[in-house]
Amino acid sequence: MTTSAFGDDTPVYVISVAAELSGLHPQTLRQYDRLGLVSPGRASGRGRRYSMRDIQMLREVQRLSQEDGINLAGIKRILELQREVAELREHMFHLHNELNAARAAVARRAGGQPSAGGELLPVRRTRVTIFDHTPRPPEKQ
């Protein structure tokens, strides 16, 4: 099986092969799975199947543990934060694209060319009414 036939996220490697490719013991892979550090796919018989991305993650966990001396709880938190940063970057990318599309639409409506931003655009004023729903004590009579 070559990795070029599958994408990096395709779970194809059984635990023994994943252990060999990552340089770890199969029991270590099971422990990392139990702790949620790496979550391999499952075959129909519930056997673990690792992707190339999982194997790269196993190597990173091992590096953080051995070279940087970070405990497994710390590694789990680092991985969670890295995933969150990646999600936020993707969200920011989409927001940036939406903003550029909105700027281009405003420029088209105004009859001009889309700009790089930074200019002031006319905004219609709107009134906002805020209601206070805080309960008040009854008035004394």
N, C-alpha and C. Protein backbone atom coordinates (compact mmCIF):
# COMPACT_ATOMS: atom_id res chain seq x y z
N MET A 1 0.83 -1.18 0.00
CA MET A 1 0.00 0.00 0.00
C MET A 1 0.87 1.25 0.00
N THR A 2 0.67 2.11 -0.93
CA THR A 2 1.44 3.35 -0.96
C THR A 2 0.57 4.49 -0.48
N THR A 3 1.19 5.47 0.14
CA THR A 3 0.42 6.59 0.65
C THR A 3 -0.11 7.47 -0.47
N SER A 4 0.48 7.36 -1.67
CA SER A 4 0.01 8.19 -2.78
C SER A 4 -1.36 7.73 -3.26
N ALA A 5 -1.74 6.45 -3.02
CA ALA A 5 -3.03 5.94 -3.46
C ALA A 5 -4.15 6.44 -2.55
N PHE A 6 -3.82 6.93 -1.38
CA PHE A 6 -4.81 7.39 -0.42
C PHE A 6 -4.45 8.80 0.04
N GLY A 7 -5.46 9.52 0.50
CA GLY A 7 -5.20 10.83 1.07
C GLY A 7 -4.62 10.69 2.46
N ASP A 8 -4.10 11.78 2.99
CA ASP A 8 -3.49 11.76 4.32
C ASP A 8 -4.48 11.43 5.43
N ASP A 9 -5.78 11.61 5.17
CA ASP A 9 -6.79 11.36 6.20
C ASP A 9 -7.48 10.01 6.05
N THR A 10 -7.07 9.21 5.08
CA THR A 10 -7.70 7.91 4.86
C THR A 10 -7.14 6.91 5.87
N PRO A 11 -8.02 6.34 6.73
CA PRO A 11 -7.54 5.38 7.74
C PRO A 11 -7.33 4.00 7.12
N VAL A 12 -6.08 3.65 6.88
CA VAL A 12 -5.77 2.39 6.19
C VAL A 12 -4.81 1.49 6.97
N TYR A 13 -4.05 2.03 7.90
CA TYR A 13 -3.00 1.24 8.55
C TYR A 13 -3.50 0.59 9.82
N VAL A 14 -3.30 -0.72 9.94
CA VAL A 14 -3.63 -1.42 11.18
C VAL A 14 -2.63 -0.99 12.25
N ILE A 15 -2.92 -1.29 13.49
CA ILE A 15 -2.13 -0.77 14.60
C ILE A 15 -0.66 -1.21 14.53
N SER A 16 -0.41 -2.44 14.09
CA SER A 16 0.99 -2.90 14.03
C SER A 16 1.80 -2.10 13.01
N VAL A 17 1.19 -1.78 11.87
CA VAL A 17 1.87 -1.00 10.84
C VAL A 17 2.04 0.44 11.31
N ALA A 18 0.99 0.99 11.93
CA ALA A 18 1.07 2.36 12.44
C ALA A 18 2.15 2.47 13.51
N ALA A 19 2.26 1.46 14.35
CA ALA A 19 3.28 1.45 15.40
C ALA A 19 4.67 1.46 14.76
N GLU A 20 4.85 0.65 13.75
CA GLU A 20 6.15 0.59 13.08
C GLU A 20 6.47 1.91 12.38
N LEU A 21 5.49 2.48 11.68
CA LEU A 21 5.72 3.73 10.97
C LEU A 21 5.98 4.91 11.92
N SER A 22 5.36 4.88 13.09
CA SER A 22 5.54 5.98 14.04
C SER A 22 6.71 5.75 14.98
N GLY A 23 7.21 4.52 15.03
CA GLY A 23 8.32 4.21 15.93
C GLY A 23 7.88 4.02 17.37
N LEU A 24 6.60 3.71 17.57
CA LEU A 24 6.05 3.53 18.91
C LEU A 24 5.55 2.10 19.09
N HIS A 25 5.36 1.72 20.33
CA HIS A 25 4.82 0.40 20.65
C HIS A 25 3.30 0.43 20.46
N PRO A 26 2.70 -0.66 19.99
CA PRO A 26 1.25 -0.68 19.82
C PRO A 26 0.47 -0.31 21.09
N GLN A 27 1.00 -0.72 22.25
CA GLN A 27 0.32 -0.38 23.51
C GLN A 27 0.31 1.14 23.74
N THR A 28 1.37 1.81 23.30
CA THR A 28 1.43 3.28 23.41
C THR A 28 0.35 3.90 22.53
N LEU A 29 0.15 3.35 21.34
CA LEU A 29 -0.90 3.84 20.45
C LEU A 29 -2.27 3.67 21.09
N ARG A 30 -2.50 2.52 21.74
CA ARG A 30 -3.78 2.30 22.42
C ARG A 30 -3.98 3.31 23.55
N GLN A 31 -2.89 3.58 24.30
CA GLN A 31 -2.99 4.55 25.40
C GLN A 31 -3.31 5.94 24.86
N TYR A 32 -2.63 6.35 23.79
CA TYR A 32 -2.89 7.66 23.20
C TYR A 32 -4.33 7.77 22.70
N ASP A 33 -4.87 6.65 22.18
CA ASP A 33 -6.26 6.63 21.73
C ASP A 33 -7.20 6.79 22.93
N ARG A 34 -6.94 6.04 24.01
CA ARG A 34 -7.77 6.15 25.22
C ARG A 34 -7.77 7.56 25.78
N LEU A 35 -6.61 8.23 25.73
CA LEU A 35 -6.49 9.59 26.26
C LEU A 35 -7.04 10.65 25.30
N GLY A 36 -7.35 10.24 24.06
CA GLY A 36 -7.88 11.19 23.09
C GLY A 36 -6.82 12.02 22.40
N LEU A 37 -5.57 11.61 22.48
CA LEU A 37 -4.50 12.35 21.81
C LEU A 37 -4.54 12.12 20.30
N VAL A 38 -4.81 10.90 19.91
CA VAL A 38 -4.95 10.53 18.50
C VAL A 38 -6.18 9.64 18.43
N SER A 39 -7.07 9.94 17.50
CA SER A 39 -8.32 9.16 17.38
C SER A 39 -8.37 8.49 16.02
N PRO A 40 -7.88 7.25 15.94
CA PRO A 40 -7.90 6.55 14.65
C PRO A 40 -9.32 6.17 14.25
N GLY A 41 -9.47 5.87 12.94
CA GLY A 41 -10.76 5.37 12.49
C GLY A 41 -10.94 3.95 12.97
N ARG A 42 -12.13 3.41 12.73
CA ARG A 42 -12.41 2.03 13.15
C ARG A 42 -12.89 1.22 11.96
N ALA A 43 -12.41 0.00 11.87
CA ALA A 43 -12.87 -0.92 10.83
C ALA A 43 -14.19 -1.52 11.29
N SER A 44 -14.85 -2.25 10.43
CA SER A 44 -16.15 -2.82 10.78
C SER A 44 -16.06 -3.74 11.99
N GLY A 45 -14.93 -4.39 12.20
CA GLY A 45 -14.74 -5.25 13.37
C GLY A 45 -14.22 -4.49 14.58
N ARG A 46 -14.30 -3.17 14.57
CA ARG A 46 -13.87 -2.27 15.64
C ARG A 46 -12.36 -2.15 15.77
N GLY A 47 -11.60 -2.73 14.83
CA GLY A 47 -10.15 -2.59 14.86
C GLY A 47 -9.73 -1.19 14.45
N ARG A 48 -8.69 -0.69 15.09
CA ARG A 48 -8.21 0.66 14.79
C ARG A 48 -7.58 0.70 13.39
N ARG A 49 -7.82 1.81 12.69
CA ARG A 49 -7.18 2.06 11.41
C ARG A 49 -6.63 3.47 11.44
N TYR A 50 -5.33 3.58 11.22
CA TYR A 50 -4.63 4.86 11.31
C TYR A 50 -4.40 5.44 9.93
N SER A 51 -4.51 6.74 9.82
CA SER A 51 -4.20 7.45 8.58
C SER A 51 -2.77 7.98 8.67
N MET A 52 -2.27 8.47 7.57
CA MET A 52 -0.93 9.07 7.58
C MET A 52 -0.91 10.30 8.49
N ARG A 53 -2.01 11.05 8.52
CA ARG A 53 -2.09 12.21 9.42
C ARG A 53 -2.03 11.75 10.89
N ASP A 54 -2.69 10.62 11.21
CA ASP A 54 -2.62 10.07 12.57
C ASP A 54 -1.18 9.71 12.92
N ILE A 55 -0.47 9.11 11.98
CA ILE A 55 0.92 8.71 12.22
C ILE A 55 1.80 9.94 12.44
N GLN A 56 1.57 10.98 11.66
CA GLN A 56 2.32 12.23 11.88
C GLN A 56 2.00 12.80 13.26
N MET A 57 0.74 12.71 13.68
CA MET A 57 0.35 13.20 15.00
C MET A 57 1.02 12.36 16.10
N LEU A 58 1.10 11.06 15.91
CA LEU A 58 1.78 10.19 16.88
C LEU A 58 3.25 10.60 17.03
N ARG A 59 3.89 10.89 15.92
CA ARG A 59 5.29 11.33 15.97
C ARG A 59 5.42 12.66 16.71
N GLU A 60 4.46 13.56 16.47
CA GLU A 60 4.50 14.87 17.15
C GLU A 60 4.28 14.70 18.65
N VAL A 61 3.35 13.84 19.05
CA VAL A 61 3.12 13.58 20.47
C VAL A 61 4.39 13.04 21.11
N GLN A 62 5.03 12.11 20.44
CA GLN A 62 6.27 11.53 20.95
C GLN A 62 7.38 12.58 21.07
N ARG A 63 7.48 13.45 20.07
CA ARG A 63 8.49 14.50 20.10
C ARG A 63 8.25 15.45 21.27
N LEU A 64 7.00 15.89 21.43
CA LEU A 64 6.68 16.80 22.53
C LEU A 64 6.98 16.15 23.88
N SER A 65 6.72 14.88 23.98
CA SER A 65 6.94 14.17 25.23
C SER A 65 8.43 13.97 25.51
N GLN A 66 9.17 13.47 24.53
CA GLN A 66 10.57 13.11 24.76
C GLN A 66 11.52 14.30 24.67
N GLU A 67 11.37 15.12 23.63
CA GLU A 67 12.31 16.22 23.43
C GLU A 67 11.99 17.44 24.28
N ASP A 68 10.69 17.73 24.43
CA ASP A 68 10.30 18.93 25.17
C ASP A 68 9.89 18.64 26.61
N GLY A 69 9.77 17.36 26.96
CA GLY A 69 9.45 16.99 28.34
C GLY A 69 8.05 17.36 28.78
N ILE A 70 7.11 17.43 27.86
CA ILE A 70 5.73 17.81 28.19
C ILE A 70 4.94 16.56 28.53
N ASN A 71 4.17 16.62 29.62
CA ASN A 71 3.38 15.45 30.00
C ASN A 71 2.18 15.30 29.06
N LEU A 72 1.52 14.14 29.13
CA LEU A 72 0.45 13.84 28.18
C LEU A 72 -0.74 14.79 28.32
N ALA A 73 -1.05 15.24 29.53
CA ALA A 73 -2.14 16.20 29.71
C ALA A 73 -1.79 17.53 29.02
N GLY A 74 -0.55 17.94 29.14
CA GLY A 74 -0.11 19.16 28.46
C GLY A 74 -0.13 19.01 26.96
N ILE A 75 0.27 17.84 26.47
CA ILE A 75 0.24 17.59 25.03
C ILE A 75 -1.18 17.62 24.52
N LYS A 76 -2.10 17.03 25.27
CA LYS A 76 -3.51 17.03 24.85
C LYS A 76 -4.02 18.47 24.73
N ARG A 77 -3.66 19.31 25.69
CA ARG A 77 -4.10 20.71 25.66
C ARG A 77 -3.47 21.45 24.47
N ILE A 78 -2.20 21.19 24.21
CA ILE A 78 -1.53 21.81 23.06
C ILE A 78 -2.24 21.43 21.77
N LEU A 79 -2.56 20.15 21.62
CA LEU A 79 -3.22 19.69 20.40
C LEU A 79 -4.60 20.31 20.26
N GLU A 80 -5.33 20.43 21.38
CA GLU A 80 -6.65 21.06 21.35
C GLU A 80 -6.53 22.52 20.91
N LEU A 81 -5.55 23.22 21.44
CA LEU A 81 -5.35 24.63 21.08
C LEU A 81 -4.93 24.77 19.62
N GLN A 82 -4.10 23.86 19.13
CA GLN A 82 -3.70 23.90 17.73
C GLN A 82 -4.90 23.69 16.81
N ARG A 83 -5.79 22.75 17.19
CA ARG A 83 -7.00 22.54 16.40
C ARG A 83 -7.89 23.78 16.42
N GLU A 84 -8.01 24.39 17.59
CA GLU A 84 -8.84 25.60 17.72
C GLU A 84 -8.27 26.74 16.87
N VAL A 85 -6.96 26.92 16.90
CA VAL A 85 -6.33 27.96 16.09
C VAL A 85 -6.58 27.70 14.60
N ALA A 86 -6.47 26.45 14.18
CA ALA A 86 -6.71 26.11 12.77
C ALA A 86 -8.15 26.41 12.38
N GLU A 87 -9.10 26.08 13.27
CA GLU A 87 -10.51 26.38 13.00
C GLU A 87 -10.75 27.88 12.92
N LEU A 88 -10.14 28.63 13.84
CA LEU A 88 -10.29 30.09 13.84
C LEU A 88 -9.68 30.71 12.58
N ARG A 89 -8.55 30.20 12.15
CA ARG A 89 -7.93 30.71 10.92
C ARG A 89 -8.83 30.45 9.72
N GLU A 90 -9.41 29.26 9.68
CA GLU A 90 -10.33 28.96 8.57
C GLU A 90 -11.55 29.87 8.61
N HIS A 91 -12.09 30.09 9.80
CA HIS A 91 -13.24 30.99 9.97
C HIS A 91 -12.87 32.41 9.54
N MET A 92 -11.69 32.87 9.96
CA MET A 92 -11.23 34.20 9.59
C MET A 92 -11.05 34.31 8.07
N PHE A 93 -10.54 33.27 7.44
CA PHE A 93 -10.38 33.25 5.99
C PHE A 93 -11.73 33.46 5.31
N HIS A 94 -12.76 32.73 5.77
CA HIS A 94 -14.08 32.86 5.17
C HIS A 94 -14.67 34.24 5.43
N LEU A 95 -14.48 34.77 6.63
CA LEU A 95 -14.97 36.12 6.93
C LEU A 95 -14.28 37.16 6.06
N HIS A 96 -13.00 36.99 5.84
CA HIS A 96 -12.24 37.90 4.99
C HIS A 96 -12.79 37.88 3.56
N ASN A 97 -13.09 36.69 3.07
CA ASN A 97 -13.66 36.57 1.73
C ASN A 97 -15.04 37.21 1.66
N GLU A 98 -15.85 37.02 2.70
CA GLU A 98 -17.18 37.64 2.73
C GLU A 98 -17.06 39.17 2.76
N LEU A 99 -16.12 39.67 3.53
CA LEU A 99 -15.91 41.11 3.61
C LEU A 99 -15.49 41.66 2.25
N ASN A 100 -14.58 40.99 1.57
CA ASN A 100 -14.16 41.44 0.24
C ASN A 100 -15.33 41.41 -0.74
N ALA A 101 -16.16 40.39 -0.66
CA ALA A 101 -17.32 40.31 -1.54
C ALA A 101 -18.30 41.44 -1.24
N ALA A 102 -18.49 41.76 0.04
CA ALA A 102 -19.38 42.85 0.43
C ALA A 102 -18.83 44.19 -0.06
N ARG A 103 -17.54 44.37 0.08
CA ARG A 103 -16.92 45.63 -0.41
C ARG A 103 -17.08 45.76 -1.92
N ALA A 104 -16.90 44.66 -2.62
CA ALA A 104 -17.05 44.69 -4.08
C ALA A 104 -18.50 44.99 -4.46
N ALA A 105 -19.46 44.43 -3.71
CA ALA A 105 -20.87 44.69 -3.99
C ALA A 105 -21.21 46.15 -3.74
N VAL A 106 -20.68 46.72 -2.66
CA VAL A 106 -20.91 48.14 -2.36
C VAL A 106 -20.31 49.00 -3.46
N ALA A 107 -19.12 48.65 -3.91
CA ALA A 107 -18.47 49.43 -4.96
C ALA A 107 -19.26 49.35 -6.26
N ARG A 108 -19.79 48.16 -6.57
CA ARG A 108 -20.60 48.02 -7.78
C ARG A 108 -21.88 48.86 -7.70
N ARG A 109 -22.50 48.85 -6.53
CA ARG A 109 -23.73 49.65 -6.35
C ARG A 109 -23.43 51.14 -6.48
N ALA A 110 -22.26 51.53 -6.01
CA ALA A 110 -21.89 52.94 -6.07
C ALA A 110 -21.33 53.31 -7.45
N GLY A 111 -21.17 52.32 -8.32
CA GLY A 111 -20.68 52.59 -9.66
C GLY A 111 -19.17 52.70 -9.76
N GLY A 112 -18.48 52.41 -8.69
CA GLY A 112 -17.01 52.49 -8.70
C GLY A 112 -16.39 51.12 -8.82
N GLN A 113 -15.12 51.09 -8.70
CA GLN A 113 -14.38 49.85 -8.74
C GLN A 113 -14.16 49.36 -7.31
N PRO A 114 -14.05 48.05 -7.11
CA PRO A 114 -13.76 47.56 -5.76
C PRO A 114 -12.42 48.09 -5.28
N SER A 115 -12.36 48.43 -4.02
CA SER A 115 -11.12 48.99 -3.48
C SER A 115 -10.52 48.04 -2.47
N ALA A 116 -9.35 48.39 -2.01
CA ALA A 116 -8.64 47.56 -1.04
C ALA A 116 -9.17 47.77 0.36
N GLY A 117 -10.10 48.69 0.55
CA GLY A 117 -10.67 48.94 1.87
C GLY A 117 -10.03 50.14 2.53
N GLY A 118 -10.50 50.46 3.70
CA GLY A 118 -9.94 51.57 4.45
C GLY A 118 -10.70 52.87 4.23
N GLU A 119 -11.56 52.93 3.21
CA GLU A 119 -12.30 54.17 2.97
C GLU A 119 -13.58 54.17 3.80
N LEU A 120 -14.14 55.36 3.98
CA LEU A 120 -15.38 55.49 4.72
C LEU A 120 -16.55 55.34 3.76
N LEU A 121 -17.52 54.56 4.15
CA LEU A 121 -18.71 54.35 3.34
C LEU A 121 -19.90 54.96 4.06
N PRO A 122 -20.87 55.51 3.32
CA PRO A 122 -22.05 56.09 3.97
C PRO A 122 -22.85 54.99 4.67
N VAL A 123 -23.33 55.30 5.85
CA VAL A 123 -24.11 54.35 6.63
C VAL A 123 -25.40 55.04 7.05
N ARG A 124 -26.51 54.37 6.86
CA ARG A 124 -27.79 54.92 7.27
C ARG A 124 -27.91 54.80 8.78
N ARG A 125 -28.34 55.88 9.44
CA ARG A 125 -28.48 55.84 10.89
C ARG A 125 -29.72 55.05 11.28
N THR A 126 -29.61 54.34 12.36
CA THR A 126 -30.70 53.52 12.86
C THR A 126 -30.88 53.79 14.35
N ARG A 127 -32.13 53.85 14.77
CA ARG A 127 -32.39 54.00 16.21
C ARG A 127 -32.49 52.62 16.85
N VAL A 128 -31.96 52.53 18.04
CA VAL A 128 -32.02 51.29 18.78
C VAL A 128 -32.67 51.58 20.12
N THR A 129 -33.65 50.79 20.49
CA THR A 129 -34.32 50.93 21.78
C THR A 129 -33.95 49.73 22.62
N ILE A 130 -33.50 49.98 23.83
CA ILE A 130 -33.12 48.91 24.73
C ILE A 130 -34.12 48.88 25.87
N PHE A 131 -34.73 47.73 26.08
CA PHE A 131 -35.70 47.56 27.15
C PHE A 131 -35.01 46.90 28.32
N ASP A 132 -35.28 47.43 29.51
CA ASP A 132 -34.71 46.87 30.74
C ASP A 132 -35.78 45.99 31.38
N HIS A 133 -35.52 44.70 31.43
CA HIS A 133 -36.48 43.75 31.99
C HIS A 133 -36.10 43.34 33.40
N THR A 134 -35.31 44.16 34.08
CA THR A 134 -34.91 43.85 35.43
C THR A 134 -36.11 44.06 36.35
N PRO A 135 -36.48 43.06 37.15
CA PRO A 135 -37.63 43.24 38.06
C PRO A 135 -37.32 44.30 39.11
N ARG A 136 -38.30 45.12 39.37
CA ARG A 136 -38.15 46.18 40.38
C ARG A 136 -38.97 45.84 41.60
N PRO A 137 -38.50 46.25 42.77
CA PRO A 137 -39.30 45.98 43.99
C PRO A 137 -40.60 46.78 43.93
N PRO A 138 -41.67 46.24 44.52
CA PRO A 138 -42.95 46.98 44.50
C PRO A 138 -42.83 48.31 45.25
N GLU A 139 -43.56 49.32 44.75
CA GLU A 139 -43.50 50.63 45.38
C GLU A 139 -44.32 50.62 46.65
N LYS A 140 -43.83 51.37 47.66
CA LYS A 140 -44.54 51.47 48.94
C LYS A 140 -45.68 52.47 48.78
N GLN A 141 -46.82 52.14 49.39
CA GLN A 141 -47.98 53.04 49.29
C GLN A 141 -48.24 53.78 50.55
